[in-house]
Amino acid sequence: GNLKMTNSANANEILNVGDVVHCSWGYSMTLNDFYIVVGRVGKASVKLEKIGSKWVEGSDGFTGKVVADETVRTGEFLTKRVKTSWNGDARIKISDCQYAYSYDGRAVYENHMD
């Protein structure tokens, strides 16, 4: 097969309402954004709400690991097209330099030290 990274996916087959996606970004720091799927828009897009995160390792608030915290709702909504990555997970372009992927609930590394 000729797999392309840019395949538009049927969002309904990949993401369900309540699923969380994760975006790791930052130049000198490692920051994590989490979004929860709150709705569907047509076949290929989803409505996301940015949610919070909480530290699970590292108590200084500078380096450690974080997980998504669905109890923290920001009221920031985005509508984004869902694509698929090489392994079939969701891949969503948040901005020119930020991509969010399916989130499995595991703690992810975060670093606020510049």
N, C-alpha and C. Protein backbone atom coordinates (compact mmCIF):
# COMPACT_ATOMS: atom_id res chain seq x y z
N GLY A 1 0.82 -1.20 0.00
CA GLY A 1 0.00 0.00 0.00
C GLY A 1 0.85 1.24 0.00
N ASN A 2 0.28 2.29 -0.50
CA ASN A 2 0.99 3.56 -0.55
C ASN A 2 0.41 4.47 0.51
N LEU A 3 0.98 4.42 1.72
CA LEU A 3 0.43 5.19 2.83
C LEU A 3 0.98 6.61 2.81
N LYS A 4 0.09 7.56 2.93
CA LYS A 4 0.50 8.96 3.03
C LYS A 4 0.11 9.48 4.40
N MET A 5 0.95 10.35 4.96
CA MET A 5 0.67 10.91 6.28
C MET A 5 -0.53 11.85 6.24
N THR A 6 -0.91 12.31 5.08
CA THR A 6 -1.91 13.36 5.02
C THR A 6 -3.31 12.84 4.74
N ASN A 7 -3.49 11.53 4.82
CA ASN A 7 -4.83 10.98 4.56
C ASN A 7 -5.85 11.59 5.50
N SER A 8 -6.92 12.14 4.94
CA SER A 8 -8.03 12.56 5.77
C SER A 8 -8.72 11.30 6.25
N ALA A 9 -9.02 11.27 7.50
CA ALA A 9 -9.61 10.07 8.07
C ALA A 9 -11.10 10.27 8.26
N ASN A 10 -11.80 9.18 8.41
CA ASN A 10 -13.16 9.26 8.89
C ASN A 10 -13.06 9.41 10.40
N ALA A 11 -13.26 10.62 10.88
CA ALA A 11 -13.06 10.92 12.30
C ALA A 11 -13.88 10.00 13.18
N ASN A 12 -15.05 9.60 12.69
CA ASN A 12 -15.94 8.77 13.50
C ASN A 12 -15.32 7.41 13.80
N GLU A 13 -14.41 6.95 12.96
CA GLU A 13 -13.81 5.64 13.16
C GLU A 13 -12.60 5.71 14.09
N ILE A 14 -12.06 6.90 14.28
CA ILE A 14 -10.81 7.03 15.03
C ILE A 14 -11.04 7.63 16.41
N LEU A 15 -11.85 8.66 16.48
CA LEU A 15 -12.06 9.36 17.75
C LEU A 15 -13.53 9.38 18.11
N ASN A 16 -13.79 9.16 19.39
CA ASN A 16 -15.15 9.24 19.92
C ASN A 16 -15.24 10.43 20.86
N VAL A 17 -16.46 10.93 21.06
CA VAL A 17 -16.67 11.97 22.05
C VAL A 17 -16.18 11.44 23.40
N GLY A 18 -15.38 12.24 24.09
CA GLY A 18 -14.80 11.82 25.37
C GLY A 18 -13.36 11.37 25.25
N ASP A 19 -12.90 11.09 24.03
CA ASP A 19 -11.50 10.73 23.84
C ASP A 19 -10.62 11.96 24.05
N VAL A 20 -9.39 11.71 24.48
CA VAL A 20 -8.42 12.78 24.72
C VAL A 20 -7.29 12.67 23.71
N VAL A 21 -6.84 13.82 23.20
CA VAL A 21 -5.65 13.87 22.36
C VAL A 21 -4.61 14.74 23.05
N HIS A 22 -3.36 14.51 22.71
CA HIS A 22 -2.22 15.11 23.42
C HIS A 22 -1.27 15.77 22.43
N CYS A 23 -0.82 16.95 22.79
CA CYS A 23 0.13 17.72 21.98
C CYS A 23 1.32 18.09 22.85
N SER A 24 2.50 17.61 22.47
CA SER A 24 3.74 18.00 23.15
C SER A 24 4.46 19.00 22.27
N TRP A 25 4.91 20.12 22.88
CA TRP A 25 5.52 21.17 22.07
C TRP A 25 6.48 21.99 22.92
N GLY A 26 7.15 22.90 22.28
CA GLY A 26 8.08 23.78 22.98
C GLY A 26 9.45 23.70 22.34
N TYR A 27 10.16 24.79 22.38
CA TYR A 27 11.49 24.85 21.78
C TYR A 27 12.54 24.47 22.81
N SER A 28 12.71 25.31 23.82
CA SER A 28 13.70 24.98 24.86
C SER A 28 13.04 24.28 26.04
N MET A 29 11.72 24.34 26.09
CA MET A 29 10.97 23.67 27.15
C MET A 29 10.13 22.56 26.51
N THR A 30 9.63 21.66 27.32
CA THR A 30 8.70 20.64 26.83
C THR A 30 7.37 20.87 27.52
N LEU A 31 6.38 21.29 26.75
CA LEU A 31 5.07 21.58 27.29
C LEU A 31 4.06 20.62 26.69
N ASN A 32 2.99 20.39 27.41
CA ASN A 32 1.97 19.45 26.97
C ASN A 32 0.60 20.10 27.02
N ASP A 33 -0.13 19.98 25.94
CA ASP A 33 -1.52 20.41 25.91
C ASP A 33 -2.39 19.17 25.69
N PHE A 34 -3.52 19.15 26.35
CA PHE A 34 -4.48 18.06 26.20
C PHE A 34 -5.82 18.63 25.77
N TYR A 35 -6.49 17.90 24.90
CA TYR A 35 -7.80 18.31 24.41
C TYR A 35 -8.74 17.12 24.49
N ILE A 36 -10.00 17.39 24.83
CA ILE A 36 -11.00 16.32 24.86
C ILE A 36 -11.98 16.55 23.70
N VAL A 37 -12.37 15.45 23.07
CA VAL A 37 -13.32 15.54 21.97
C VAL A 37 -14.71 15.78 22.56
N VAL A 38 -15.33 16.90 22.18
CA VAL A 38 -16.66 17.22 22.71
C VAL A 38 -17.74 17.09 21.65
N GLY A 39 -17.35 16.90 20.39
CA GLY A 39 -18.36 16.75 19.36
C GLY A 39 -17.72 16.42 18.03
N ARG A 40 -18.58 16.10 17.07
CA ARG A 40 -18.12 15.80 15.71
C ARG A 40 -18.64 16.87 14.78
N VAL A 41 -17.84 17.16 13.77
CA VAL A 41 -18.24 18.13 12.75
C VAL A 41 -18.07 17.43 11.41
N GLY A 42 -19.16 16.98 10.84
CA GLY A 42 -19.08 16.23 9.60
C GLY A 42 -18.36 14.91 9.81
N LYS A 43 -17.79 14.40 8.72
CA LYS A 43 -17.13 13.09 8.81
C LYS A 43 -15.67 13.19 9.21
N ALA A 44 -15.04 14.32 8.92
CA ALA A 44 -13.58 14.36 9.04
C ALA A 44 -13.07 15.29 10.13
N SER A 45 -13.96 15.96 10.85
CA SER A 45 -13.49 16.92 11.86
C SER A 45 -14.14 16.66 13.21
N VAL A 46 -13.48 17.19 14.24
CA VAL A 46 -13.99 17.08 15.60
C VAL A 46 -13.93 18.45 16.27
N LYS A 47 -14.78 18.63 17.26
CA LYS A 47 -14.72 19.82 18.11
C LYS A 47 -14.00 19.41 19.37
N LEU A 48 -12.96 20.16 19.71
CA LEU A 48 -12.11 19.87 20.87
C LEU A 48 -12.25 20.96 21.92
N GLU A 49 -12.12 20.58 23.18
CA GLU A 49 -11.97 21.56 24.26
C GLU A 49 -10.64 21.30 24.94
N LYS A 50 -9.87 22.37 25.13
CA LYS A 50 -8.60 22.24 25.84
C LYS A 50 -8.89 21.95 27.31
N ILE A 51 -8.19 20.95 27.85
CA ILE A 51 -8.37 20.59 29.26
C ILE A 51 -7.03 20.74 29.98
N GLY A 52 -7.08 20.58 31.28
CA GLY A 52 -5.88 20.78 32.09
C GLY A 52 -5.01 19.54 32.18
N SER A 53 -3.94 19.69 32.95
CA SER A 53 -3.06 18.56 33.24
C SER A 53 -2.66 18.64 34.70
N LYS A 54 -2.16 17.52 35.22
CA LYS A 54 -1.67 17.54 36.60
C LYS A 54 -0.36 16.79 36.70
N TRP A 55 0.48 17.26 37.60
CA TRP A 55 1.79 16.64 37.81
C TRP A 55 1.61 15.33 38.56
N VAL A 56 2.28 14.29 38.09
CA VAL A 56 2.26 13.01 38.81
C VAL A 56 3.66 12.60 39.25
N GLU A 57 4.67 13.24 38.69
CA GLU A 57 6.06 13.03 39.12
C GLU A 57 6.75 14.36 39.09
N GLY A 58 7.63 14.61 40.06
CA GLY A 58 8.35 15.87 40.10
C GLY A 58 7.51 16.90 40.81
N SER A 59 7.92 17.30 41.99
CA SER A 59 7.07 18.17 42.80
C SER A 59 7.44 19.64 42.67
N ASP A 60 8.53 19.94 41.95
CA ASP A 60 8.97 21.33 41.90
C ASP A 60 8.18 22.15 40.87
N GLY A 61 7.36 21.48 40.07
CA GLY A 61 6.59 22.21 39.07
C GLY A 61 7.41 22.66 37.88
N PHE A 62 8.65 22.19 37.78
CA PHE A 62 9.51 22.56 36.66
C PHE A 62 9.77 21.39 35.72
N THR A 63 10.13 20.25 36.28
CA THR A 63 10.35 19.07 35.45
C THR A 63 9.67 17.88 36.10
N GLY A 64 9.20 16.98 35.27
CA GLY A 64 8.54 15.80 35.80
C GLY A 64 7.61 15.22 34.76
N LYS A 65 6.53 14.62 35.23
CA LYS A 65 5.58 14.01 34.31
C LYS A 65 4.17 14.48 34.65
N VAL A 66 3.38 14.63 33.59
CA VAL A 66 2.01 15.08 33.76
C VAL A 66 1.05 14.11 33.07
N VAL A 67 -0.20 14.14 33.51
CA VAL A 67 -1.28 13.42 32.85
C VAL A 67 -2.40 14.42 32.59
N ALA A 68 -3.27 14.06 31.66
CA ALA A 68 -4.44 14.89 31.37
C ALA A 68 -5.35 14.92 32.60
N ASP A 69 -5.99 16.07 32.81
CA ASP A 69 -6.95 16.22 33.90
C ASP A 69 -8.27 16.70 33.32
N GLU A 70 -9.19 15.75 33.09
CA GLU A 70 -10.45 16.07 32.43
C GLU A 70 -11.37 16.90 33.31
N THR A 71 -11.04 17.03 34.60
CA THR A 71 -11.88 17.85 35.47
C THR A 71 -11.63 19.33 35.27
N VAL A 72 -10.50 19.66 34.64
CA VAL A 72 -10.17 21.07 34.39
C VAL A 72 -10.56 21.41 32.96
N ARG A 73 -11.65 22.15 32.80
CA ARG A 73 -12.13 22.56 31.48
C ARG A 73 -11.81 24.03 31.29
N THR A 74 -11.24 24.35 30.13
CA THR A 74 -10.79 25.73 29.91
C THR A 74 -11.83 26.59 29.20
N GLY A 75 -12.80 25.96 28.53
CA GLY A 75 -13.73 26.75 27.73
C GLY A 75 -13.13 27.21 26.42
N GLU A 76 -11.92 26.73 26.10
CA GLU A 76 -11.29 27.03 24.80
C GLU A 76 -11.65 25.91 23.83
N PHE A 77 -12.38 26.25 22.77
CA PHE A 77 -12.83 25.24 21.81
C PHE A 77 -12.15 25.43 20.46
N LEU A 78 -11.86 24.33 19.81
CA LEU A 78 -11.27 24.33 18.47
C LEU A 78 -12.03 23.31 17.63
N THR A 79 -12.19 23.61 16.36
CA THR A 79 -12.69 22.60 15.43
C THR A 79 -11.55 22.26 14.48
N LYS A 80 -11.17 20.98 14.45
CA LYS A 80 -10.00 20.56 13.69
C LYS A 80 -10.29 19.31 12.88
N ARG A 81 -9.63 19.23 11.74
CA ARG A 81 -9.74 18.05 10.88
C ARG A 81 -8.87 16.93 11.46
N VAL A 82 -9.38 15.72 11.40
CA VAL A 82 -8.65 14.55 11.90
C VAL A 82 -7.96 13.87 10.73
N LYS A 83 -6.67 13.63 10.88
CA LYS A 83 -5.93 12.82 9.91
C LYS A 83 -5.42 11.59 10.65
N THR A 84 -4.79 10.70 9.93
CA THR A 84 -4.22 9.54 10.61
C THR A 84 -2.70 9.57 10.51
N SER A 85 -2.06 9.10 11.58
CA SER A 85 -0.61 8.96 11.56
C SER A 85 -0.27 7.57 11.06
N TRP A 86 1.01 7.26 10.95
CA TRP A 86 1.47 6.01 10.36
C TRP A 86 0.89 4.78 11.04
N ASN A 87 0.57 4.89 12.35
CA ASN A 87 0.10 3.71 13.09
C ASN A 87 -1.42 3.67 13.21
N GLY A 88 -2.11 4.57 12.52
CA GLY A 88 -3.57 4.54 12.56
C GLY A 88 -4.19 5.40 13.65
N ASP A 89 -3.34 5.97 14.51
CA ASP A 89 -3.86 6.87 15.53
C ASP A 89 -4.29 8.20 14.91
N ALA A 90 -5.07 8.93 15.67
CA ALA A 90 -5.47 10.26 15.22
C ALA A 90 -4.27 11.20 15.20
N ARG A 91 -4.26 12.09 14.21
CA ARG A 91 -3.23 13.13 14.09
C ARG A 91 -3.96 14.40 13.72
N ILE A 92 -3.88 15.41 14.59
CA ILE A 92 -4.64 16.65 14.42
C ILE A 92 -3.67 17.82 14.45
N LYS A 93 -3.72 18.63 13.40
CA LYS A 93 -2.87 19.82 13.36
C LYS A 93 -3.52 20.92 14.20
N ILE A 94 -2.85 21.30 15.28
CA ILE A 94 -3.36 22.35 16.16
C ILE A 94 -2.91 23.71 15.64
N SER A 95 -1.64 23.80 15.27
CA SER A 95 -1.08 25.03 14.68
C SER A 95 0.04 24.61 13.74
N ASP A 96 0.72 25.57 13.15
CA ASP A 96 1.78 25.25 12.20
C ASP A 96 2.87 24.40 12.82
N CYS A 97 3.08 24.52 14.12
CA CYS A 97 4.16 23.76 14.75
C CYS A 97 3.65 22.82 15.84
N GLN A 98 2.35 22.61 15.91
CA GLN A 98 1.80 21.74 16.95
C GLN A 98 0.86 20.71 16.35
N TYR A 99 1.10 19.45 16.71
CA TYR A 99 0.23 18.36 16.31
C TYR A 99 -0.20 17.57 17.54
N ALA A 100 -1.45 17.18 17.57
CA ALA A 100 -1.96 16.37 18.68
C ALA A 100 -2.22 14.96 18.17
N TYR A 101 -1.97 14.00 19.04
CA TYR A 101 -2.14 12.58 18.71
C TYR A 101 -3.01 11.91 19.76
N SER A 102 -3.55 10.75 19.42
CA SER A 102 -4.33 9.97 20.38
C SER A 102 -3.54 9.83 21.68
N TYR A 103 -4.23 9.96 22.80
CA TYR A 103 -3.58 9.91 24.12
C TYR A 103 -4.01 8.65 24.84
N ASP A 104 -3.02 7.93 25.39
CA ASP A 104 -3.31 6.63 26.01
C ASP A 104 -3.40 6.69 27.53
N GLY A 105 -3.31 7.89 28.10
CA GLY A 105 -3.45 8.02 29.54
C GLY A 105 -2.16 7.96 30.32
N ARG A 106 -1.07 7.65 29.64
CA ARG A 106 0.21 7.54 30.35
C ARG A 106 0.78 8.92 30.68
N ALA A 107 1.57 8.97 31.72
CA ALA A 107 2.24 10.22 32.10
C ALA A 107 3.27 10.58 31.03
N VAL A 108 3.37 11.87 30.73
CA VAL A 108 4.30 12.35 29.71
C VAL A 108 5.24 13.37 30.32
N TYR A 109 6.46 13.44 29.78
CA TYR A 109 7.51 14.31 30.30
C TYR A 109 7.17 15.77 30.05
N GLU A 110 7.42 16.61 31.08
CA GLU A 110 7.24 18.06 30.92
C GLU A 110 8.41 18.75 31.57
N ASN A 111 8.85 19.84 30.96
CA ASN A 111 10.02 20.59 31.44
C ASN A 111 9.78 22.06 31.24
N HIS A 112 9.70 22.83 32.34
CA HIS A 112 9.49 24.28 32.25
C HIS A 112 10.78 25.07 32.38
N MET A 113 11.91 24.38 32.50
CA MET A 113 13.20 25.06 32.65
C MET A 113 13.64 25.54 31.28
N ASP A 114 13.86 26.82 31.14
CA ASP A 114 14.26 27.37 29.85
C ASP A 114 15.77 27.25 29.68
